[in-house]
């Protein structure tokens, strides 16, 4: 019994020392990170957006439900990361053009309006996350393809926005 008590005491003291060291490391990190520029100040850095694999990958994840321009939670998360990448590399591009697309079902006028609404929704979201509005333009392209008999999965892929970096 005495051996178990001593083992438990030694374990408690060891864990307490580790926790104390972790708290010290956390305080040091917080102190050093408080001297770093906030993320909003990243706009002055010179990373190249065209070389950002994160931007390329995430920009393919902005999808929409049928007849909707609402952003899903997963699209919002991807756009949060896209906004960060754009702010970090704002000096590396003239503009990013956001082109809204729809599937080929439905009326062509409605699809044109919906595609523009999707692009504008994404543009406004990025602006709300600190991307300069003069760096983003939104256009509607209507249906991605003219194939009304495409599969449901193809229609789902067509309901998106595309990003184009303009020199």
N, C-alpha and C. Protein backbone atom coordinates (compact mmCIF):
# COMPACT_ATOMS: atom_id res chain seq x y z
N UNK A 1 0.82 -1.18 0.00
CA UNK A 1 0.00 0.00 0.00
C UNK A 1 0.87 1.25 0.00
N UNK A 2 1.94 1.22 0.82
CA UNK A 2 2.85 2.34 0.91
C UNK A 2 3.53 2.57 -0.44
N UNK A 3 3.85 1.49 -1.15
CA UNK A 3 4.49 1.57 -2.45
C UNK A 3 3.57 2.24 -3.47
N UNK A 4 2.28 1.88 -3.43
CA UNK A 4 1.31 2.49 -4.34
C UNK A 4 1.18 3.98 -4.06
N UNK A 5 1.17 4.35 -2.79
CA UNK A 5 1.06 5.75 -2.41
C UNK A 5 2.26 6.53 -2.93
N UNK A 6 3.45 5.98 -2.76
CA UNK A 6 4.67 6.67 -3.21
C UNK A 6 4.70 6.78 -4.74
N UNK A 7 4.23 5.76 -5.41
CA UNK A 7 4.18 5.79 -6.87
C UNK A 7 3.20 6.87 -7.33
N UNK A 8 2.03 6.92 -6.69
CA UNK A 8 1.04 7.93 -7.04
C UNK A 8 1.57 9.33 -6.75
N UNK A 9 2.26 9.52 -5.64
CA UNK A 9 2.83 10.81 -5.29
C UNK A 9 3.88 11.23 -6.31
N UNK A 10 4.74 10.31 -6.69
CA UNK A 10 5.78 10.61 -7.68
C UNK A 10 5.16 10.98 -9.02
N UNK A 11 4.11 10.26 -9.41
CA UNK A 11 3.43 10.55 -10.66
C UNK A 11 2.79 11.93 -10.62
N UNK A 12 2.15 12.27 -9.51
CA UNK A 12 1.51 13.57 -9.34
C UNK A 12 2.54 14.69 -9.43
N UNK A 13 3.67 14.53 -8.76
CA UNK A 13 4.71 15.55 -8.79
C UNK A 13 5.28 15.71 -10.21
N UNK A 14 5.45 14.60 -10.91
CA UNK A 14 5.98 14.64 -12.27
C UNK A 14 5.00 15.36 -13.19
N UNK A 15 3.72 15.00 -13.10
CA UNK A 15 2.71 15.65 -13.93
C UNK A 15 2.60 17.13 -13.61
N UNK A 16 2.69 17.48 -12.37
CA UNK A 16 2.66 18.89 -11.97
C UNK A 16 3.82 19.65 -12.56
N UNK A 17 4.99 19.07 -12.58
CA UNK A 17 6.16 19.72 -13.16
C UNK A 17 5.99 19.90 -14.66
N UNK A 18 5.43 18.89 -15.33
CA UNK A 18 5.20 18.98 -16.78
C UNK A 18 4.17 20.07 -17.08
N UNK A 19 3.12 20.13 -16.29
CA UNK A 19 2.09 21.15 -16.49
C UNK A 19 2.68 22.54 -16.27
N UNK A 20 3.54 22.67 -15.27
CA UNK A 20 4.18 23.95 -15.00
C UNK A 20 5.05 24.37 -16.17
N UNK A 21 5.82 23.41 -16.71
CA UNK A 21 6.66 23.71 -17.88
C UNK A 21 5.80 24.11 -19.07
N UNK A 22 4.65 23.42 -19.27
CA UNK A 22 3.77 23.74 -20.39
C UNK A 22 3.20 25.15 -20.23
N UNK A 23 2.80 25.51 -19.02
CA UNK A 23 2.27 26.85 -18.78
C UNK A 23 3.34 27.90 -19.08
N UNK A 24 4.58 27.62 -18.69
CA UNK A 24 5.67 28.55 -18.96
C UNK A 24 5.87 28.70 -20.47
N UNK A 25 5.85 27.57 -21.23
CA UNK A 25 5.99 27.63 -22.68
C UNK A 25 4.83 28.41 -23.29
N UNK A 26 3.61 28.19 -22.79
CA UNK A 26 2.45 28.91 -23.30
C UNK A 26 2.60 30.41 -23.08
N UNK A 27 3.07 30.81 -21.88
CA UNK A 27 3.26 32.23 -21.60
C UNK A 27 4.32 32.83 -22.53
N UNK A 28 5.41 32.09 -22.75
CA UNK A 28 6.47 32.58 -23.65
C UNK A 28 5.94 32.73 -25.07
N UNK A 29 5.14 31.76 -25.52
CA UNK A 29 4.58 31.85 -26.86
C UNK A 29 3.66 33.05 -26.99
N UNK A 30 2.79 33.24 -26.00
CA UNK A 30 1.87 34.37 -26.02
C UNK A 30 2.63 35.69 -26.03
N UNK A 31 3.70 35.77 -25.26
CA UNK A 31 4.49 36.98 -25.20
C UNK A 31 5.14 37.24 -26.57
N UNK A 32 5.69 36.21 -27.19
CA UNK A 32 6.35 36.40 -28.48
C UNK A 32 5.34 36.65 -29.59
N UNK A 33 4.17 36.02 -29.50
CA UNK A 33 3.18 36.24 -30.56
C UNK A 33 2.52 37.60 -30.43
N UNK A 34 2.55 38.20 -29.25
CA UNK A 34 1.97 39.54 -29.12
C UNK A 34 2.82 40.58 -29.82
N UNK A 35 4.08 40.25 -30.11
CA UNK A 35 4.93 41.18 -30.84
C UNK A 35 4.84 40.96 -32.34
N UNK A 36 4.19 39.88 -32.76
CA UNK A 36 4.00 39.62 -34.18
C UNK A 36 2.90 40.51 -34.72
N UNK A 37 2.93 40.71 -36.03
CA UNK A 37 1.88 41.50 -36.67
C UNK A 37 0.57 40.72 -36.64
N UNK A 38 -0.55 41.38 -36.37
CA UNK A 38 -1.83 40.68 -36.42
C UNK A 38 -2.13 40.25 -37.85
N UNK A 39 -3.04 39.29 -38.00
CA UNK A 39 -3.32 38.75 -39.32
C UNK A 39 -3.80 39.83 -40.29
N UNK A 40 -4.47 40.87 -39.79
CA UNK A 40 -4.92 41.94 -40.68
C UNK A 40 -3.74 42.71 -41.26
N UNK A 41 -2.60 42.66 -40.60
CA UNK A 41 -1.42 43.36 -41.09
C UNK A 41 -0.65 42.52 -42.10
N UNK A 42 -1.10 41.31 -42.35
CA UNK A 42 -0.41 40.45 -43.30
C UNK A 42 -0.52 40.96 -44.73
N UNK A 43 -1.39 41.92 -44.95
CA UNK A 43 -1.61 42.42 -46.30
C UNK A 43 -0.33 42.96 -46.93
N UNK A 44 0.63 43.34 -46.16
CA UNK A 44 1.85 43.89 -46.71
C UNK A 44 2.89 42.87 -47.08
N UNK A 45 2.67 41.61 -46.82
CA UNK A 45 3.67 40.61 -47.15
C UNK A 45 3.62 40.32 -48.65
N UNK A 46 4.62 39.65 -49.14
CA UNK A 46 4.75 39.53 -50.59
C UNK A 46 4.65 38.10 -51.10
N UNK A 47 3.90 37.25 -50.46
CA UNK A 47 3.71 35.90 -50.97
C UNK A 47 2.93 35.97 -52.28
N UNK A 48 3.14 35.01 -53.15
CA UNK A 48 2.49 34.99 -54.45
C UNK A 48 1.27 34.08 -54.40
N UNK A 49 0.10 34.64 -54.62
CA UNK A 49 -1.14 33.87 -54.56
C UNK A 49 -1.17 32.77 -55.62
N UNK A 50 -0.55 33.03 -56.78
CA UNK A 50 -0.53 32.03 -57.86
C UNK A 50 0.23 30.77 -57.45
N UNK A 51 1.13 30.90 -56.50
CA UNK A 51 1.93 29.75 -56.05
C UNK A 51 1.34 29.07 -54.81
N UNK A 52 0.23 29.58 -54.32
CA UNK A 52 -0.38 29.04 -53.12
C UNK A 52 -1.21 27.80 -53.44
N UNK A 53 -0.69 26.64 -53.05
CA UNK A 53 -1.46 25.42 -53.27
C UNK A 53 -2.70 25.39 -52.39
N UNK A 54 -2.60 26.03 -51.24
CA UNK A 54 -3.77 26.10 -50.35
C UNK A 54 -4.90 26.86 -51.03
N UNK A 55 -4.59 28.01 -51.65
CA UNK A 55 -5.60 28.78 -52.37
C UNK A 55 -6.20 27.95 -53.49
N UNK A 56 -5.35 27.30 -54.27
CA UNK A 56 -5.81 26.48 -55.40
C UNK A 56 -6.74 25.37 -54.95
N UNK A 57 -6.36 24.69 -53.89
CA UNK A 57 -7.15 23.57 -53.39
C UNK A 57 -8.47 24.04 -52.80
N UNK A 58 -8.39 25.04 -51.93
CA UNK A 58 -9.60 25.50 -51.25
C UNK A 58 -10.60 26.14 -52.20
N UNK A 59 -10.11 26.81 -53.23
CA UNK A 59 -11.03 27.49 -54.14
C UNK A 59 -11.91 26.51 -54.92
N UNK A 60 -11.54 25.26 -54.93
CA UNK A 60 -12.36 24.25 -55.60
C UNK A 60 -13.46 23.70 -54.69
N UNK A 61 -13.54 24.18 -53.46
CA UNK A 61 -14.48 23.64 -52.49
C UNK A 61 -15.70 24.52 -52.24
N UNK A 62 -15.91 25.54 -53.05
CA UNK A 62 -17.05 26.42 -52.83
C UNK A 62 -18.20 25.94 -53.73
N UNK A 63 -19.13 25.25 -53.13
CA UNK A 63 -20.26 24.64 -53.84
C UNK A 63 -21.58 25.17 -53.27
N UNK A 64 -22.63 25.02 -54.05
CA UNK A 64 -23.93 25.55 -53.66
C UNK A 64 -25.02 24.49 -53.84
N UNK A 65 -26.07 24.64 -53.08
CA UNK A 65 -27.24 23.78 -53.25
C UNK A 65 -28.01 24.25 -54.48
N UNK A 66 -28.90 23.42 -54.97
CA UNK A 66 -29.72 23.75 -56.13
C UNK A 66 -30.49 25.05 -55.89
N UNK A 67 -30.45 25.94 -56.86
CA UNK A 67 -31.19 27.21 -56.86
C UNK A 67 -30.88 28.09 -55.66
N UNK A 68 -29.68 28.00 -55.11
CA UNK A 68 -29.33 28.76 -53.92
C UNK A 68 -27.98 29.45 -54.08
N UNK A 69 -27.85 30.61 -53.42
CA UNK A 69 -26.56 31.29 -53.35
C UNK A 69 -26.06 31.33 -51.90
N UNK A 70 -26.73 30.58 -51.02
CA UNK A 70 -26.31 30.54 -49.62
C UNK A 70 -25.02 29.75 -49.46
N UNK A 71 -24.17 30.23 -48.56
CA UNK A 71 -22.90 29.56 -48.29
C UNK A 71 -23.08 28.51 -47.20
N UNK A 72 -22.61 27.31 -47.46
CA UNK A 72 -22.67 26.25 -46.47
C UNK A 72 -21.57 26.47 -45.43
N UNK A 73 -21.67 25.86 -44.27
CA UNK A 73 -20.60 25.98 -43.28
C UNK A 73 -19.23 25.55 -43.82
N UNK A 74 -19.19 24.49 -44.63
CA UNK A 74 -17.89 24.06 -45.17
C UNK A 74 -17.35 25.08 -46.17
N UNK A 75 -18.22 25.71 -46.94
CA UNK A 75 -17.77 26.76 -47.86
C UNK A 75 -17.26 27.96 -47.08
N UNK A 76 -17.92 28.30 -45.99
CA UNK A 76 -17.45 29.42 -45.16
C UNK A 76 -16.07 29.14 -44.58
N UNK A 77 -15.85 27.92 -44.13
CA UNK A 77 -14.53 27.56 -43.59
C UNK A 77 -13.46 27.67 -44.68
N UNK A 78 -13.77 27.18 -45.87
CA UNK A 78 -12.81 27.28 -46.98
C UNK A 78 -12.57 28.74 -47.33
N UNK A 79 -13.62 29.55 -47.34
CA UNK A 79 -13.46 30.97 -47.66
C UNK A 79 -12.67 31.72 -46.59
N UNK A 80 -12.79 31.30 -45.34
CA UNK A 80 -11.97 31.92 -44.29
C UNK A 80 -10.49 31.71 -44.59
N UNK A 81 -10.13 30.52 -45.01
CA UNK A 81 -8.73 30.22 -45.36
C UNK A 81 -8.32 30.93 -46.65
N UNK A 82 -9.22 31.00 -47.61
CA UNK A 82 -8.94 31.71 -48.85
C UNK A 82 -8.68 33.19 -48.56
N UNK A 83 -9.50 33.77 -47.69
CA UNK A 83 -9.32 35.19 -47.33
C UNK A 83 -7.95 35.40 -46.71
N UNK A 84 -7.53 34.49 -45.84
CA UNK A 84 -6.21 34.60 -45.22
C UNK A 84 -5.12 34.55 -46.27
N UNK A 85 -5.21 33.61 -47.20
CA UNK A 85 -4.22 33.49 -48.27
C UNK A 85 -4.21 34.77 -49.12
N UNK A 86 -5.37 35.32 -49.42
CA UNK A 86 -5.44 36.52 -50.24
C UNK A 86 -4.85 37.72 -49.50
N UNK A 87 -5.14 37.85 -48.23
CA UNK A 87 -4.57 38.97 -47.45
C UNK A 87 -3.06 38.87 -47.35
N UNK A 88 -2.54 37.64 -47.21
CA UNK A 88 -1.10 37.45 -47.10
C UNK A 88 -0.38 37.82 -48.39
N UNK A 89 -1.07 37.71 -49.51
CA UNK A 89 -0.41 37.90 -50.80
C UNK A 89 -1.06 39.00 -51.64
N UNK A 90 -1.68 39.95 -50.98
CA UNK A 90 -2.46 40.97 -51.66
C UNK A 90 -1.66 41.78 -52.69
N UNK A 91 -0.36 41.88 -52.51
CA UNK A 91 0.45 42.64 -53.45
C UNK A 91 0.90 41.81 -54.65
N UNK A 92 0.58 40.55 -54.69
CA UNK A 92 1.04 39.68 -55.77
C UNK A 92 0.04 39.57 -56.92
N UNK A 93 -1.10 40.23 -56.82
CA UNK A 93 -2.10 40.14 -57.88
C UNK A 93 -2.86 41.46 -57.99
N UNK A 94 -3.36 41.70 -59.19
CA UNK A 94 -4.15 42.91 -59.43
C UNK A 94 -5.58 42.71 -58.91
N UNK A 95 -6.17 41.59 -59.31
CA UNK A 95 -7.54 41.26 -58.91
C UNK A 95 -7.72 39.75 -58.90
N UNK A 96 -8.73 39.33 -58.16
CA UNK A 96 -9.21 37.96 -58.27
C UNK A 96 -10.63 38.06 -58.79
N UNK A 97 -10.87 37.39 -59.89
CA UNK A 97 -12.21 37.38 -60.49
C UNK A 97 -12.93 36.13 -60.01
N UNK A 98 -14.10 36.33 -59.44
CA UNK A 98 -14.93 35.23 -58.96
C UNK A 98 -16.07 35.06 -59.95
N UNK A 99 -16.11 33.91 -60.60
CA UNK A 99 -17.14 33.64 -61.59
C UNK A 99 -18.13 32.64 -61.03
N UNK A 100 -19.38 33.07 -60.91
CA UNK A 100 -20.43 32.18 -60.44
C UNK A 100 -20.96 31.32 -61.57
N UNK A 101 -21.27 30.07 -61.24
CA UNK A 101 -21.78 29.12 -62.23
C UNK A 101 -23.00 28.39 -61.67
N UNK A 102 -23.81 27.89 -62.57
CA UNK A 102 -24.97 27.08 -62.19
C UNK A 102 -24.93 25.78 -62.97
N UNK A 103 -25.85 24.88 -62.64
CA UNK A 103 -26.02 23.71 -63.50
C UNK A 103 -26.91 24.13 -64.67
N UNK A 104 -27.14 23.23 -65.60
CA UNK A 104 -27.86 23.59 -66.82
C UNK A 104 -29.37 23.47 -66.71
N UNK A 105 -29.87 23.09 -65.55
CA UNK A 105 -31.32 22.95 -65.41
C UNK A 105 -31.96 24.31 -65.19
N UNK A 106 -33.17 24.46 -65.65
CA UNK A 106 -33.92 25.68 -65.41
C UNK A 106 -33.73 26.74 -66.49
N UNK A 107 -34.37 27.86 -66.25
CA UNK A 107 -34.41 28.99 -67.16
C UNK A 107 -33.05 29.68 -67.25
N UNK A 108 -32.62 30.03 -68.45
CA UNK A 108 -31.29 30.62 -68.63
C UNK A 108 -31.18 31.99 -67.97
N UNK A 109 -32.23 32.81 -67.99
CA UNK A 109 -32.17 34.11 -67.30
C UNK A 109 -32.02 33.93 -65.79
N UNK A 110 -32.78 33.00 -65.23
CA UNK A 110 -32.68 32.72 -63.80
C UNK A 110 -31.28 32.21 -63.46
N UNK A 111 -30.73 31.35 -64.29
CA UNK A 111 -29.39 30.84 -64.05
C UNK A 111 -28.34 31.95 -64.11
N UNK A 112 -28.52 32.89 -65.04
CA UNK A 112 -27.58 34.01 -65.12
C UNK A 112 -27.64 34.85 -63.84
N UNK A 113 -28.83 35.14 -63.36
CA UNK A 113 -28.98 35.92 -62.11
C UNK A 113 -28.41 35.15 -60.92
N UNK A 114 -28.69 33.85 -60.87
CA UNK A 114 -28.22 33.02 -59.77
C UNK A 114 -26.69 32.92 -59.77
N UNK A 115 -26.10 32.78 -60.94
CA UNK A 115 -24.63 32.69 -61.01
C UNK A 115 -23.99 33.99 -60.51
N UNK A 116 -24.56 35.12 -60.86
CA UNK A 116 -24.03 36.40 -60.37
C UNK A 116 -24.24 36.53 -58.86
N UNK A 117 -25.39 36.09 -58.38
CA UNK A 117 -25.66 36.15 -56.92
C UNK A 117 -24.65 35.30 -56.15
N UNK A 118 -24.29 34.16 -56.69
CA UNK A 118 -23.29 33.29 -56.03
C UNK A 118 -21.93 33.98 -55.98
N UNK A 119 -21.51 34.56 -57.09
CA UNK A 119 -20.22 35.25 -57.13
C UNK A 119 -20.21 36.44 -56.18
N UNK A 120 -21.30 37.20 -56.16
CA UNK A 120 -21.37 38.36 -55.27
C UNK A 120 -21.41 37.94 -53.81
N UNK A 121 -22.06 36.84 -53.50
CA UNK A 121 -22.10 36.34 -52.13
C UNK A 121 -20.68 36.01 -51.65
N UNK A 122 -19.92 35.33 -52.50
CA UNK A 122 -18.54 34.97 -52.15
C UNK A 122 -17.69 36.24 -52.03
N UNK A 123 -17.85 37.16 -52.97
CA UNK A 123 -17.09 38.42 -52.92
C UNK A 123 -17.36 39.16 -51.62
N UNK A 124 -18.63 39.33 -51.28
CA UNK A 124 -18.99 40.04 -50.05
C UNK A 124 -18.46 39.34 -48.80
N UNK A 125 -18.46 38.03 -48.82
CA UNK A 125 -17.94 37.28 -47.68
C UNK A 125 -16.44 37.54 -47.52
N UNK A 126 -15.70 37.48 -48.62
CA UNK A 126 -14.25 37.73 -48.57
C UNK A 126 -13.95 39.15 -48.11
N UNK A 127 -14.74 40.11 -48.56
CA UNK A 127 -14.56 41.49 -48.12
C UNK A 127 -14.81 41.59 -46.62
N UNK A 128 -15.82 40.89 -46.12
CA UNK A 128 -16.11 40.92 -44.68
C UNK A 128 -14.97 40.30 -43.87
N UNK A 129 -14.13 39.50 -44.52
CA UNK A 129 -12.99 38.87 -43.85
C UNK A 129 -11.68 39.64 -44.07
N UNK A 130 -11.79 40.86 -44.59
CA UNK A 130 -10.63 41.73 -44.68
C UNK A 130 -9.92 41.80 -46.01
N UNK A 131 -10.44 41.15 -47.04
CA UNK A 131 -9.82 41.26 -48.36
C UNK A 131 -10.28 42.59 -48.95
N UNK A 132 -9.35 43.42 -49.45
CA UNK A 132 -9.75 44.72 -50.02
C UNK A 132 -10.73 44.56 -51.17
N UNK A 133 -11.82 45.31 -51.13
CA UNK A 133 -12.87 45.13 -52.14
C UNK A 133 -12.40 45.44 -53.55
N UNK A 134 -11.43 46.33 -53.70
CA UNK A 134 -10.94 46.64 -55.05
C UNK A 134 -10.12 45.49 -55.64
N UNK A 135 -9.80 44.51 -54.84
CA UNK A 135 -9.02 43.36 -55.31
C UNK A 135 -9.89 42.19 -55.77
N UNK A 136 -11.22 42.34 -55.68
CA UNK A 136 -12.12 41.23 -56.02
C UNK A 136 -13.23 41.73 -56.92
N UNK A 137 -13.48 40.98 -57.99
CA UNK A 137 -14.65 41.28 -58.82
C UNK A 137 -15.49 40.03 -58.97
N UNK A 138 -16.78 40.24 -59.15
CA UNK A 138 -17.72 39.13 -59.26
C UNK A 138 -18.42 39.20 -60.61
N UNK A 139 -18.48 38.06 -61.28
CA UNK A 139 -19.22 37.97 -62.54
C UNK A 139 -20.07 36.71 -62.52
N UNK A 140 -21.17 36.76 -63.25
CA UNK A 140 -22.01 35.57 -63.41
C UNK A 140 -21.85 35.02 -64.80
N UNK A 141 -21.61 33.73 -64.90
CA UNK A 141 -21.42 33.10 -66.21
C UNK A 141 -22.60 32.22 -66.62
N UNK A 142 -23.59 32.07 -65.76
CA UNK A 142 -24.70 31.19 -66.08
C UNK A 142 -24.31 29.74 -65.92
N UNK A 143 -24.90 28.85 -66.74
CA UNK A 143 -24.60 27.42 -66.61
C UNK A 143 -23.15 27.09 -66.96
N UNK A 144 -22.57 26.15 -66.22
CA UNK A 144 -21.21 25.70 -66.48
C UNK A 144 -21.14 24.93 -67.80
N UNK A 145 -22.18 24.18 -68.07
CA UNK A 145 -22.29 23.44 -69.34
C UNK A 145 -23.72 23.58 -69.84
N UNK A 146 -23.95 23.18 -71.06
CA UNK A 146 -25.32 23.24 -71.60
C UNK A 146 -26.01 21.89 -71.54
N UNK A 147 -25.38 20.94 -70.87
CA UNK A 147 -25.88 19.58 -70.80
C UNK A 147 -26.95 19.41 -69.73
N UNK A 148 -28.21 19.47 -70.12
CA UNK A 148 -29.30 19.32 -69.15
C UNK A 148 -29.49 17.88 -68.71
N UNK A 149 -28.97 16.93 -69.48
CA UNK A 149 -29.13 15.52 -69.14
C UNK A 149 -27.96 14.97 -68.35
N UNK A 150 -27.10 15.83 -67.86
CA UNK A 150 -25.94 15.38 -67.07
C UNK A 150 -26.41 14.69 -65.80
N UNK A 151 -25.50 13.94 -65.20
CA UNK A 151 -25.83 13.22 -63.96
C UNK A 151 -26.01 14.21 -62.81
N UNK A 152 -26.63 13.73 -61.76
CA UNK A 152 -26.83 14.57 -60.57
C UNK A 152 -25.50 15.01 -59.98
N UNK A 153 -24.51 14.14 -60.01
CA UNK A 153 -23.20 14.52 -59.47
C UNK A 153 -22.53 15.58 -60.33
N UNK A 154 -22.74 15.53 -61.66
CA UNK A 154 -22.19 16.58 -62.53
C UNK A 154 -22.90 17.90 -62.26
N UNK A 155 -24.22 17.85 -62.09
CA UNK A 155 -24.95 19.08 -61.76
C UNK A 155 -24.43 19.68 -60.46
N UNK A 156 -24.15 18.83 -59.47
CA UNK A 156 -23.63 19.32 -58.19
C UNK A 156 -22.26 19.98 -58.37
N UNK A 157 -21.40 19.41 -59.22
CA UNK A 157 -20.08 20.01 -59.49
C UNK A 157 -20.20 21.34 -60.22
N UNK A 158 -21.25 21.50 -61.01
CA UNK A 158 -21.45 22.73 -61.78
C UNK A 158 -21.93 23.89 -60.92
N UNK A 159 -22.54 23.61 -59.78
CA UNK A 159 -23.06 24.67 -58.89
C UNK A 159 -21.92 25.17 -58.00
N UNK A 160 -21.14 26.13 -58.53
CA UNK A 160 -19.90 26.54 -57.86
C UNK A 160 -19.51 27.95 -58.26
N UNK A 161 -18.41 28.39 -57.72
CA UNK A 161 -17.72 29.58 -58.21
C UNK A 161 -16.31 29.17 -58.58
N UNK A 162 -15.78 29.83 -59.60
CA UNK A 162 -14.39 29.63 -60.01
C UNK A 162 -13.62 30.91 -59.68
N UNK A 163 -12.38 30.75 -59.30
CA UNK A 163 -11.50 31.89 -58.99
C UNK A 163 -10.46 32.00 -60.09
N UNK A 164 -10.26 33.22 -60.57
CA UNK A 164 -9.22 33.48 -61.56
C UNK A 164 -8.37 34.64 -61.06
N UNK A 165 -7.06 34.43 -61.00
CA UNK A 165 -6.15 35.49 -60.58
C UNK A 165 -5.82 36.32 -61.81
N UNK A 166 -6.15 37.60 -61.74
CA UNK A 166 -5.90 38.52 -62.84
C UNK A 166 -4.59 39.25 -62.56
N UNK A 167 -3.69 39.23 -63.50
CA UNK A 167 -2.36 39.86 -63.32
C UNK A 167 -2.45 41.30 -62.93
